N, C-alpha and C. Protein backbone atom coordinates (compact mmCIF):
# COMPACT_ATOMS: atom_id res chain seq x y z
N UNK A 1 -125.80 31.69 180.34
CA UNK A 1 -127.05 32.25 179.77
C UNK A 1 -126.90 33.88 179.47
N UNK A 2 -127.87 34.15 178.89
CA UNK A 2 -127.65 35.72 178.64
C UNK A 2 -129.20 36.10 178.67
N UNK A 3 -129.62 36.91 179.68
CA UNK A 3 -130.85 37.20 180.21
C UNK A 3 -131.40 38.63 179.58
N UNK A 4 -132.69 38.72 179.84
CA UNK A 4 -133.23 39.88 179.73
C UNK A 4 -133.21 40.50 177.90
N UNK A 5 -133.11 39.51 177.08
CA UNK A 5 -132.83 39.78 175.73
C UNK A 5 -131.71 40.83 175.57
N UNK A 6 -130.61 40.77 176.48
CA UNK A 6 -129.32 41.43 176.39
C UNK A 6 -128.86 41.57 174.81
N UNK A 7 -128.81 40.44 174.18
CA UNK A 7 -128.35 40.20 172.77
C UNK A 7 -128.85 41.10 171.94
N UNK A 8 -129.93 41.78 172.07
CA UNK A 8 -130.85 42.62 171.32
C UNK A 8 -130.03 43.81 170.86
N UNK A 9 -129.12 44.14 172.11
CA UNK A 9 -128.51 45.42 171.92
C UNK A 9 -127.14 45.07 170.82
N UNK A 10 -126.93 43.96 170.47
CA UNK A 10 -125.72 43.74 169.62
C UNK A 10 -125.53 44.60 168.43
N UNK A 11 -126.68 45.08 167.93
CA UNK A 11 -126.65 46.07 166.72
C UNK A 11 -126.94 45.65 165.37
N UNK A 12 -126.84 44.26 165.46
CA UNK A 12 -126.87 43.67 163.95
C UNK A 12 -127.18 42.21 164.13
N UNK A 13 -127.74 41.42 163.00
CA UNK A 13 -127.60 40.01 163.41
C UNK A 13 -126.34 39.47 163.09
N UNK A 14 -125.50 40.00 162.71
CA UNK A 14 -124.13 39.48 162.59
C UNK A 14 -123.39 39.75 164.17
N UNK A 15 -123.86 40.90 164.88
CA UNK A 15 -123.45 40.86 166.26
C UNK A 15 -123.96 40.07 167.26
N UNK A 16 -125.27 39.72 166.82
CA UNK A 16 -126.18 38.53 167.83
C UNK A 16 -125.44 37.16 167.44
N UNK A 17 -125.02 36.95 166.39
CA UNK A 17 -124.53 35.61 165.85
C UNK A 17 -123.20 35.68 166.45
N UNK A 18 -122.34 36.45 166.60
CA UNK A 18 -121.11 36.87 167.67
C UNK A 18 -121.47 36.40 169.02
N UNK A 19 -122.37 37.09 169.48
CA UNK A 19 -122.89 36.65 171.19
C UNK A 19 -123.00 35.24 171.08
N UNK A 20 -123.90 34.66 170.14
CA UNK A 20 -124.23 33.32 170.38
C UNK A 20 -122.80 32.56 170.13
N UNK A 21 -121.99 32.74 169.28
CA UNK A 21 -120.66 32.07 169.23
C UNK A 21 -119.87 32.34 170.70
N UNK A 22 -120.03 33.38 170.98
CA UNK A 22 -119.29 33.53 172.48
C UNK A 22 -119.88 32.51 173.59
N UNK A 23 -121.03 32.59 173.38
CA UNK A 23 -121.85 31.70 174.46
C UNK A 23 -121.50 30.30 174.18
N UNK A 24 -121.20 29.87 173.07
CA UNK A 24 -120.96 28.46 172.78
C UNK A 24 -119.52 28.21 173.18
N UNK A 25 -118.27 29.08 173.03
CA UNK A 25 -117.18 29.09 173.05
C UNK A 25 -116.89 28.70 174.97
N UNK A 26 -117.77 29.52 175.70
CA UNK A 26 -117.72 29.71 177.02
C UNK A 26 -118.58 28.43 177.85
N UNK A 27 -119.06 27.67 176.89
CA UNK A 27 -119.71 26.42 177.57
C UNK A 27 -118.73 25.27 177.38
N UNK A 28 -118.78 24.44 178.61
CA UNK A 28 -117.66 23.33 178.62
C UNK A 28 -118.53 22.25 177.74
N UNK A 29 -117.58 21.32 177.11
CA UNK A 29 -117.90 20.01 176.62
C UNK A 29 -119.08 19.55 177.49
N UNK A 30 -120.07 18.88 176.97
CA UNK A 30 -121.33 18.35 177.55
C UNK A 30 -122.01 19.32 178.28
N UNK A 31 -121.85 20.54 178.35
CA UNK A 31 -122.61 21.63 179.12
C UNK A 31 -123.74 22.17 178.08
N UNK A 32 -124.29 23.07 178.93
CA UNK A 32 -125.63 23.53 178.44
C UNK A 32 -125.87 24.90 178.22
N UNK A 33 -126.67 25.68 177.41
CA UNK A 33 -126.71 27.12 177.34
C UNK A 33 -128.15 27.33 177.35
N UNK A 34 -128.48 28.41 178.13
CA UNK A 34 -129.93 28.73 178.29
C UNK A 34 -130.14 30.44 177.53
N UNK A 35 -130.79 30.54 176.83
CA UNK A 35 -130.95 32.00 176.25
C UNK A 35 -132.37 32.30 176.02
N UNK A 36 -132.98 33.15 176.94
CA UNK A 36 -134.40 33.47 176.78
C UNK A 36 -134.25 34.62 175.37
N UNK A 37 -135.24 34.04 174.66
CA UNK A 37 -135.34 34.69 173.24
C UNK A 37 -136.39 35.86 172.89
N UNK A 38 -136.15 36.99 172.34
CA UNK A 38 -137.21 37.76 172.18
C UNK A 38 -137.85 37.36 170.73
N UNK A 39 -139.13 36.86 170.82
CA UNK A 39 -139.77 36.38 169.61
C UNK A 39 -140.49 37.41 168.84
N UNK A 40 -139.77 37.79 167.70
CA UNK A 40 -140.49 38.80 166.69
C UNK A 40 -141.92 38.36 166.44
N UNK A 41 -142.34 37.23 166.33
CA UNK A 41 -143.83 36.88 166.14
C UNK A 41 -144.64 37.39 167.24
N UNK A 42 -144.02 37.28 168.49
CA UNK A 42 -144.95 37.75 169.62
C UNK A 42 -144.88 39.31 169.67
N UNK A 43 -143.80 39.76 169.35
CA UNK A 43 -143.76 41.37 169.50
C UNK A 43 -144.77 41.83 168.23
N UNK A 44 -144.80 41.34 167.03
CA UNK A 44 -145.55 41.91 165.85
C UNK A 44 -146.85 41.25 165.68
N UNK A 45 -147.15 40.38 166.68
CA UNK A 45 -148.32 39.89 166.82
C UNK A 45 -149.01 39.11 165.54
N UNK A 46 -147.80 38.75 164.64
CA UNK A 46 -148.25 38.10 163.57
C UNK A 46 -146.96 36.86 163.17
N UNK A 47 -147.05 35.99 162.45
CA UNK A 47 -146.42 35.10 162.04
C UNK A 47 -145.41 35.59 160.97
N UNK A 48 -144.23 35.73 161.24
CA UNK A 48 -143.12 36.06 160.03
C UNK A 48 -142.54 34.92 159.47
N UNK A 49 -142.68 34.70 158.22
CA UNK A 49 -142.00 33.50 157.57
C UNK A 49 -140.58 33.84 157.59
N UNK A 50 -139.63 32.74 157.96
CA UNK A 50 -138.32 32.70 158.01
C UNK A 50 -137.70 32.67 156.77
N UNK A 51 -138.24 31.64 155.93
CA UNK A 51 -138.07 31.19 154.56
C UNK A 51 -139.27 31.31 153.83
N UNK A 52 -139.65 32.42 153.22
CA UNK A 52 -140.93 32.51 152.54
C UNK A 52 -140.61 31.56 151.22
N UNK A 53 -141.62 31.29 150.47
CA UNK A 53 -141.50 30.62 149.17
C UNK A 53 -140.89 31.45 148.31
N UNK A 54 -139.95 31.04 147.50
CA UNK A 54 -139.13 31.63 146.53
C UNK A 54 -140.10 32.42 145.28
N UNK A 55 -139.83 33.56 145.04
CA UNK A 55 -140.54 33.96 143.85
C UNK A 55 -140.00 33.70 142.56
N UNK A 56 -138.86 33.48 142.62
CA UNK A 56 -137.97 33.26 141.28
C UNK A 56 -136.90 32.32 141.48
N UNK A 57 -136.36 32.01 140.65
CA UNK A 57 -135.03 31.05 140.37
C UNK A 57 -133.83 31.83 140.77
N UNK A 58 -134.01 33.15 140.95
CA UNK A 58 -132.47 34.16 141.25
C UNK A 58 -131.99 33.82 142.70
N UNK A 59 -132.68 33.35 143.54
CA UNK A 59 -132.37 33.31 144.91
C UNK A 59 -133.68 33.23 145.90
N UNK A 60 -133.14 33.24 147.32
CA UNK A 60 -134.19 32.99 148.35
C UNK A 60 -133.98 34.18 149.37
N UNK A 61 -135.26 34.49 149.74
CA UNK A 61 -135.32 35.53 150.81
C UNK A 61 -135.36 34.76 151.97
N UNK A 62 -134.63 35.37 152.98
CA UNK A 62 -134.72 35.00 154.21
C UNK A 62 -134.92 36.14 155.23
N UNK A 63 -136.12 36.03 156.06
CA UNK A 63 -136.50 37.22 156.87
C UNK A 63 -135.64 36.75 158.42
N UNK A 64 -134.29 37.18 158.56
CA UNK A 64 -133.69 36.69 159.70
C UNK A 64 -134.18 37.57 161.03
N UNK A 65 -134.59 38.82 160.83
CA UNK A 65 -134.79 39.57 161.93
C UNK A 65 -135.58 40.74 161.89
N UNK A 66 -136.22 41.38 163.03
CA UNK A 66 -136.82 42.50 163.23
C UNK A 66 -136.03 43.54 163.92
N UNK A 67 -136.26 44.98 163.63
CA UNK A 67 -135.64 46.07 164.55
C UNK A 67 -136.90 46.45 165.21
N UNK A 68 -136.71 46.70 166.60
CA UNK A 68 -137.71 47.06 167.41
C UNK A 68 -137.14 48.31 168.37
N UNK A 69 -137.97 48.96 168.99
CA UNK A 69 -137.70 50.17 170.25
C UNK A 69 -138.56 49.77 171.30
N UNK A 70 -138.05 49.87 172.24
CA UNK A 70 -138.68 49.77 173.71
C UNK A 70 -138.50 51.22 174.36
N UNK A 71 -139.91 51.75 174.48
CA UNK A 71 -139.97 52.95 175.22
C UNK A 71 -140.64 52.74 176.54
N UNK A 72 -139.90 53.05 177.59
CA UNK A 72 -140.38 52.71 179.12
C UNK A 72 -141.13 53.75 179.41
N UNK A 73 -142.41 53.82 179.35
CA UNK A 73 -143.35 55.25 179.62
C UNK A 73 -143.16 55.62 181.05
N UNK A 74 -142.92 54.82 182.15
CA UNK A 74 -142.85 55.54 183.50
C UNK A 74 -141.56 56.46 183.57
N UNK A 75 -140.35 55.89 182.91
CA UNK A 75 -139.09 56.37 183.23
C UNK A 75 -138.61 57.12 181.96
N UNK A 76 -139.40 56.95 180.94
CA UNK A 76 -138.88 57.78 179.67
C UNK A 76 -137.76 57.35 178.70
N UNK A 77 -137.13 56.25 179.45
CA UNK A 77 -135.92 55.37 178.92
C UNK A 77 -136.59 55.07 177.51
N UNK A 78 -135.50 55.22 176.35
CA UNK A 78 -135.76 54.61 175.30
C UNK A 78 -134.71 53.64 174.82
N UNK A 79 -134.88 52.51 174.21
CA UNK A 79 -134.07 51.52 173.76
C UNK A 79 -134.36 51.46 172.36
N UNK A 80 -133.47 51.90 171.56
CA UNK A 80 -133.69 52.12 169.92
C UNK A 80 -132.87 51.18 169.14
N UNK A 81 -133.43 50.54 168.24
CA UNK A 81 -132.89 49.92 167.11
C UNK A 81 -132.24 48.46 167.68
N UNK A 82 -133.25 47.87 168.65
CA UNK A 82 -132.87 46.51 168.80
C UNK A 82 -132.86 45.34 167.87
N UNK A 83 -132.12 44.59 167.94
CA UNK A 83 -132.08 43.57 167.02
C UNK A 83 -132.87 42.20 167.39
N UNK A 84 -133.87 41.64 166.77
CA UNK A 84 -134.39 40.27 167.44
C UNK A 84 -134.52 39.51 166.06
N UNK A 85 -133.43 38.45 166.02
CA UNK A 85 -133.56 37.48 165.07
C UNK A 85 -134.67 36.62 165.20
N UNK A 86 -135.19 36.09 164.33
CA UNK A 86 -136.30 35.07 164.41
C UNK A 86 -136.12 33.73 165.15
N UNK A 87 -136.67 33.26 165.98
CA UNK A 87 -136.39 32.09 166.78
C UNK A 87 -135.86 31.07 165.90
N UNK A 88 -136.47 30.73 164.73
CA UNK A 88 -135.74 29.84 163.87
C UNK A 88 -134.34 29.95 163.57
N UNK A 89 -133.91 31.28 163.19
CA UNK A 89 -132.49 31.63 163.03
C UNK A 89 -131.47 31.13 164.19
N UNK A 90 -132.39 31.79 165.43
CA UNK A 90 -131.42 31.66 166.60
C UNK A 90 -131.28 30.28 166.88
N UNK A 91 -132.20 29.29 166.95
CA UNK A 91 -131.89 27.93 167.07
C UNK A 91 -131.09 27.40 166.31
N UNK A 92 -130.92 27.69 164.99
CA UNK A 92 -130.20 27.16 163.72
C UNK A 92 -128.65 27.61 164.28
N UNK A 93 -128.54 28.67 164.94
CA UNK A 93 -127.12 29.17 165.27
C UNK A 93 -126.60 28.03 166.41
N UNK A 94 -127.43 27.31 167.22
CA UNK A 94 -126.91 26.57 168.22
C UNK A 94 -126.66 24.87 167.67
N UNK A 95 -127.48 24.68 166.81
CA UNK A 95 -127.62 23.43 166.45
C UNK A 95 -126.21 22.74 166.31
N UNK A 96 -125.24 23.32 165.43
CA UNK A 96 -124.10 22.53 164.91
C UNK A 96 -123.30 22.25 166.35
N UNK A 97 -123.27 22.71 167.35
CA UNK A 97 -122.48 22.67 168.46
C UNK A 97 -123.02 21.78 169.62
N UNK A 98 -124.35 21.60 169.64
CA UNK A 98 -125.03 20.92 170.68
C UNK A 98 -125.80 19.45 170.08
N UNK A 99 -125.91 18.66 171.18
CA UNK A 99 -126.55 17.38 170.82
C UNK A 99 -128.02 17.36 170.61
N UNK A 100 -128.68 18.55 171.50
CA UNK A 100 -130.01 18.94 171.67
C UNK A 100 -130.22 20.32 171.78
N UNK A 101 -131.04 20.70 171.02
CA UNK A 101 -131.42 22.17 171.20
C UNK A 101 -132.88 22.44 170.94
N UNK A 102 -133.68 22.76 171.96
CA UNK A 102 -135.10 23.15 172.03
C UNK A 102 -135.36 24.47 172.26
N UNK A 103 -136.60 24.83 171.86
CA UNK A 103 -137.29 26.15 172.20
C UNK A 103 -138.59 25.94 173.01
N UNK A 104 -138.48 26.48 174.34
CA UNK A 104 -139.28 26.16 175.36
C UNK A 104 -140.18 27.22 175.61
N UNK A 105 -141.46 27.07 176.15
CA UNK A 105 -142.26 28.37 176.56
C UNK A 105 -142.31 28.15 177.83
N UNK A 106 -142.20 29.63 178.32
CA UNK A 106 -142.49 29.64 179.77
C UNK A 106 -143.35 30.64 180.08
N UNK A 107 -144.05 30.83 181.19
CA UNK A 107 -145.02 31.82 181.34
C UNK A 107 -144.23 33.12 181.72
N UNK A 108 -145.33 34.22 181.24
CA UNK A 108 -144.93 35.72 181.24
C UNK A 108 -144.97 35.95 182.76
N UNK A 109 -144.15 37.15 182.98
CA UNK A 109 -144.10 37.59 184.27
C UNK A 109 -145.50 38.36 184.69
N UNK A 110 -145.69 38.59 185.94
CA UNK A 110 -147.15 39.05 186.24
C UNK A 110 -146.93 40.40 185.67
N UNK A 111 -148.07 40.90 185.31
CA UNK A 111 -148.52 42.23 184.37
C UNK A 111 -147.60 42.17 183.39
N UNK A 112 -147.07 41.15 182.72
CA UNK A 112 -145.98 41.45 181.50
C UNK A 112 -146.97 41.63 180.20
N UNK A 113 -146.64 42.44 179.29
CA UNK A 113 -147.57 42.63 178.16
C UNK A 113 -147.29 41.60 177.14
N UNK A 114 -146.50 40.61 177.33
CA UNK A 114 -146.27 39.52 176.52
C UNK A 114 -146.93 38.28 177.14
N UNK A 115 -147.82 37.86 176.22
CA UNK A 115 -148.51 36.52 176.61
C UNK A 115 -147.64 35.12 177.04
N UNK A 116 -146.73 35.04 176.28
CA UNK A 116 -145.59 34.02 176.76
C UNK A 116 -144.17 34.50 176.31
N UNK A 117 -143.32 33.80 176.72
CA UNK A 117 -142.05 34.01 176.67
C UNK A 117 -141.30 32.57 176.01
N UNK A 118 -140.22 32.90 175.39
CA UNK A 118 -139.61 31.38 174.86
C UNK A 118 -138.18 31.47 175.28
N UNK A 119 -137.52 30.42 175.39
CA UNK A 119 -136.05 30.35 175.80
C UNK A 119 -135.47 29.14 174.86
N UNK A 120 -134.37 29.20 174.29
CA UNK A 120 -133.48 28.18 173.54
C UNK A 120 -132.73 27.56 174.97
N UNK A 121 -133.00 26.32 174.80
CA UNK A 121 -132.21 25.43 175.58
C UNK A 121 -131.31 24.46 175.05
N UNK A 122 -130.06 24.63 174.97
CA UNK A 122 -129.12 23.93 174.12
C UNK A 122 -128.40 22.94 175.24
N UNK A 123 -128.45 21.58 175.01
CA UNK A 123 -127.79 20.68 176.06
C UNK A 123 -126.74 19.77 175.12
N UNK A 124 -125.81 19.43 175.81
CA UNK A 124 -124.71 18.46 175.32
C UNK A 124 -123.77 18.90 174.52
N UNK A 125 -123.17 19.95 174.73
CA UNK A 125 -122.09 20.79 173.85
C UNK A 125 -120.93 19.67 173.50
N UNK A 126 -120.89 19.73 172.18
CA UNK A 126 -120.06 18.69 171.45
C UNK A 126 -118.45 19.15 171.89
N UNK A 127 -117.73 18.30 172.04
CA UNK A 127 -116.37 18.48 172.66
C UNK A 127 -115.59 19.52 171.64
N UNK A 128 -114.57 20.23 172.04
CA UNK A 128 -113.85 21.36 171.55
C UNK A 128 -112.90 20.59 170.40
């Protein structure tokens, strides 16, 4: 597992994808991965389209992530330029390697500013 949105410090979507690849490699055949995911839809309080309808025949737009900052008001610590891929993109990273990949909601912590949190639970890693 990778807790507390630590993957958001990877610096880019490609960096986050490397983190997930490492998690997959570290998981034994038949094993499971748990990844609490930072949901950009919850952060932005809006629904971001992962693959919006194409405007032209030239290509397809994919919104894969948002960049966000967290300023801890009591301590003054700043976490700047964090990367949060959309949950659909994160889920797709696990799908080729696991028998089942679910996105599950779980309750927020007491006094948490987020109403709900989500986690990817990938089970049944395919053999290497």
